[in-house]
N, C-alpha and C. Protein backbone atom coordinates (compact mmCIF):
# COMPACT_ATOMS: atom_id res chain seq x y z
N MET A 1 -20.69 -1.25 -4.52
CA MET A 1 -20.66 0.26 -5.17
C MET A 1 -19.45 0.33 -3.83
N VAL A 2 -18.75 1.16 -4.08
CA VAL A 2 -17.42 1.85 -3.32
C VAL A 2 -17.48 3.20 -3.33
N TYR A 3 -17.06 3.89 -2.43
CA TYR A 3 -16.62 5.36 -2.31
C TYR A 3 -15.60 5.69 -2.44
N VAL A 4 -15.36 6.36 -3.22
CA VAL A 4 -13.76 6.75 -3.72
C VAL A 4 -13.26 8.42 -3.01
N GLN A 5 -12.11 8.65 -3.19
CA GLN A 5 -11.96 10.10 -3.08
C GLN A 5 -10.59 10.25 -4.30
N ARG A 6 -10.79 11.34 -4.95
CA ARG A 6 -9.85 11.50 -6.16
C ARG A 6 -8.59 12.45 -5.75
N ASP A 7 -7.69 12.58 -6.43
CA ASP A 7 -7.11 13.87 -6.41
C ASP A 7 -7.38 14.72 -7.44
N ALA A 8 -6.65 16.00 -7.79
CA ALA A 8 -6.91 16.78 -8.80
C ALA A 8 -6.76 16.62 -10.12
N ALA A 9 -5.66 15.51 -10.17
CA ALA A 9 -5.64 15.14 -11.45
C ALA A 9 -6.66 13.46 -11.70
N GLY A 10 -7.44 13.32 -10.72
CA GLY A 10 -8.48 12.55 -11.11
C GLY A 10 -7.71 11.08 -10.35
N ARG A 11 -6.84 10.65 -9.80
CA ARG A 11 -6.43 9.54 -9.61
C ARG A 11 -7.11 9.02 -8.31
N LEU A 12 -7.53 7.74 -8.07
CA LEU A 12 -7.92 7.30 -6.90
C LEU A 12 -6.90 7.87 -5.47
N LEU A 13 -7.23 8.18 -4.82
CA LEU A 13 -6.35 8.55 -3.43
C LEU A 13 -7.08 7.43 -2.35
N ARG A 14 -8.22 7.06 -2.29
CA ARG A 14 -8.88 6.43 -0.96
C ARG A 14 -10.22 5.67 -1.44
N VAL A 15 -10.15 4.42 -1.24
CA VAL A 15 -11.22 3.61 -1.44
C VAL A 15 -12.08 2.89 -0.52
N GLU A 16 -13.42 2.99 -0.04
CA GLU A 16 -13.88 2.50 1.31
C GLU A 16 -14.98 2.03 1.07
N HIS A 17 -15.50 1.02 1.63
CA HIS A 17 -16.74 0.34 1.44
C HIS A 17 -18.42 0.98 2.05
N GLU A 18 -17.87 2.23 3.13
CA GLU A 18 -18.96 3.09 3.48
C GLU A 18 -18.16 4.61 3.21
N PRO A 19 -19.49 5.43 3.35
CA PRO A 19 -19.46 6.92 2.88
C PRO A 19 -18.52 7.48 3.65
N PHE A 20 -17.51 8.21 3.59
CA PHE A 20 -16.61 8.66 4.35
C PHE A 20 -16.32 10.59 4.04
N GLU A 21 -16.13 11.42 4.90
CA GLU A 21 -15.93 12.60 4.79
C GLU A 21 -14.83 12.62 3.79
N GLY A 22 -15.24 13.79 2.66
CA GLY A 22 -14.06 14.42 1.57
C GLY A 22 -14.21 13.17 0.56
N MET A 23 -14.92 12.37 0.38
CA MET A 23 -15.53 11.33 -0.49
C MET A 23 -15.81 12.12 -1.94
N THR A 24 -15.42 11.78 -3.16
CA THR A 24 -15.94 12.47 -4.28
C THR A 24 -16.55 11.77 -5.08
N GLU A 25 -16.95 10.68 -4.93
CA GLU A 25 -17.91 9.94 -5.96
C GLU A 25 -17.59 8.44 -5.45
N ASN A 26 -18.99 7.66 -6.17
CA ASN A 26 -19.01 6.26 -5.79
C ASN A 26 -18.48 5.29 -7.38
N LEU A 27 -18.06 4.23 -7.16
CA LEU A 27 -17.65 3.34 -8.34
C LEU A 27 -17.77 1.86 -8.01
N ALA A 28 -18.30 1.61 -9.12
CA ALA A 28 -18.52 0.24 -9.44
C ALA A 28 -17.35 -0.87 -8.86
N VAL A 29 -17.96 -1.97 -7.96
CA VAL A 29 -16.54 -2.82 -7.52
C VAL A 29 -15.93 -3.76 -8.84
N GLU A 30 -16.92 -3.69 -10.18
CA GLU A 30 -16.15 -4.65 -11.04
C GLU A 30 -15.28 -3.35 -12.14
N SER A 31 -15.22 -2.10 -11.64
CA SER A 31 -14.71 -1.37 -12.71
C SER A 31 -13.26 -1.66 -12.63
N ASP A 32 -12.74 -1.47 -14.07
CA ASP A 32 -11.13 -1.87 -14.49
C ASP A 32 -10.56 -0.96 -13.52
N GLU A 33 -10.69 0.43 -13.29
CA GLU A 33 -10.13 1.44 -12.71
C GLU A 33 -9.86 0.94 -11.34
N LEU A 34 -10.76 0.45 -10.51
CA LEU A 34 -10.58 -0.04 -9.14
C LEU A 34 -9.75 -1.18 -9.11
N GLN A 35 -10.10 -2.14 -9.94
CA GLN A 35 -9.32 -3.36 -9.88
C GLN A 35 -7.48 -3.03 -10.15
N ALA A 36 -7.09 -2.18 -11.21
CA ALA A 36 -6.00 -1.63 -11.24
C ALA A 36 -5.47 -1.18 -9.88
N TRP A 37 -6.33 -0.28 -8.95
CA TRP A 37 -5.87 0.60 -8.19
C TRP A 37 -5.22 -0.75 -6.94
N LEU A 38 -6.36 -1.94 -6.77
CA LEU A 38 -6.34 -2.80 -5.76
C LEU A 38 -4.91 -3.33 -6.11
N GLU A 39 -4.74 -3.56 -7.32
CA GLU A 39 -3.50 -4.67 -7.68
C GLU A 39 -2.34 -3.56 -7.50
N ALA A 40 -2.40 -2.57 -7.88
CA ALA A 40 -1.07 -1.50 -7.59
C ALA A 40 -0.92 -1.78 -6.23
N LYS A 41 -2.21 -1.36 -4.95
CA LYS A 41 -1.92 -1.38 -3.67
C LYS A 41 -1.02 -2.79 -2.97
N GLU A 42 -1.82 -3.90 -3.88
CA GLU A 42 -0.69 -5.29 -3.24
C GLU A 42 0.19 -5.38 -3.63
N GLU A 43 0.85 -4.49 -4.97
CA GLU A 43 2.08 -4.76 -5.26
C GLU A 43 3.22 -3.76 -4.44
N VAL A 44 2.55 -2.84 -4.28
CA VAL A 44 3.23 -1.97 -3.31
C VAL A 44 3.58 -2.69 -1.69
N LYS A 45 2.08 -3.28 -1.44
CA LYS A 45 2.41 -3.75 0.19
C LYS A 45 3.50 -4.95 -0.21
N ALA A 46 3.40 -5.66 -1.32
CA ALA A 46 4.43 -6.61 -1.40
C ALA A 46 6.19 -6.38 -1.01
N ARG A 47 6.14 -5.12 -2.30
CA ARG A 47 7.54 -4.58 -1.99
C ARG A 47 7.57 -4.48 -0.94
N LEU A 48 6.95 -3.23 0.24
CA LEU A 48 7.21 -3.13 1.54
C LEU A 48 7.40 -4.15 2.59
N ASP A 49 6.55 -5.11 2.15
CA ASP A 49 6.68 -6.51 3.19
C ASP A 49 8.35 -7.05 2.66
N SER A 50 8.77 -7.22 1.32
CA SER A 50 10.12 -7.49 0.95
C SER A 50 11.49 -6.48 1.76
N LEU A 51 10.81 -5.39 1.72
CA LEU A 51 11.86 -4.48 2.17
C LEU A 51 12.06 -4.52 3.79
N LYS A 52 11.23 -4.87 4.19
CA LYS A 52 11.18 -5.11 5.74
C LYS A 52 11.75 -6.31 6.28
N GLN A 53 11.49 -7.39 5.32
CA GLN A 53 12.33 -8.75 5.66
C GLN A 53 14.21 -8.54 5.50
N SER A 54 14.16 -7.85 4.24
CA SER A 54 15.69 -7.78 4.24
C SER A 54 15.87 -6.80 5.40
N ASP A 55 15.41 -5.62 5.76
CA ASP A 55 15.74 -4.92 6.64
C ASP A 55 16.40 -5.70 8.06
N LEU A 56 15.36 -6.78 8.46
CA LEU A 56 15.61 -7.71 9.45
C LEU A 56 16.68 -8.45 9.51
N GLU A 57 17.04 -9.00 8.01
CA GLU A 57 18.26 -9.73 7.99
C GLU A 57 19.24 -8.79 8.11
N LEU A 58 19.36 -7.87 7.53
CA LEU A 58 20.82 -6.79 7.68
C LEU A 58 20.73 -6.70 9.27
N VAL A 59 19.68 -6.42 10.34
CA VAL A 59 19.93 -6.20 11.39
C VAL A 59 20.68 -7.23 11.92
N ARG A 60 20.18 -8.68 11.83
CA ARG A 60 20.95 -9.85 12.15
C ARG A 60 22.40 -9.84 12.15
N VAL A 61 22.58 -9.45 10.87
CA VAL A 61 24.15 -9.43 10.27
C VAL A 61 24.76 -8.46 11.29
N LEU A 62 24.24 -7.49 11.11
CA LEU A 62 25.08 -6.54 11.94
C LEU A 62 25.07 -6.79 13.83
N GLU A 63 24.09 -7.58 14.23
CA GLU A 63 24.18 -7.78 15.46
C GLU A 63 25.53 -8.86 15.44
N ASP A 64 25.82 -9.83 14.79
CA ASP A 64 26.55 -10.81 14.69
C ASP A 64 28.19 -9.94 14.83
N VAL A 65 28.12 -9.00 13.59
CA VAL A 65 29.59 -8.45 13.53
C VAL A 65 29.47 -7.41 14.96
N VAL A 66 28.74 -6.74 15.40
CA VAL A 66 28.99 -5.97 16.54
C VAL A 66 29.73 -7.33 17.78
N SER A 67 28.71 -8.29 17.75
CA SER A 67 29.03 -9.40 18.58
C SER A 67 30.67 -9.87 18.61
N VAL A 68 31.17 -9.71 17.14
CA VAL A 68 32.21 -10.27 16.91
C VAL A 68 33.21 -9.35 17.27
N LEU A 69 33.05 -7.83 16.81
CA LEU A 69 34.23 -6.89 17.35
C LEU A 69 34.26 -6.58 18.83
N VAL A 70 33.17 -6.68 19.55
CA VAL A 70 33.30 -6.73 20.91
C VAL A 70 34.08 -7.87 21.83
């Protein structure tokens, strides 16, 4: 069982293993809704990691351009 907080539309906002202030209900670990929320969270994390990597690559290119111009 996990403890969840929902928004006004009923969407999951926060999921924790321990009770927390602001929680609205309990949810079974096996629930399809929880699994979908976790998958969406992992997808967002993967996209953010990809953006971070591309930002680092761009910084390296800009450093090289600045070095050439100097």
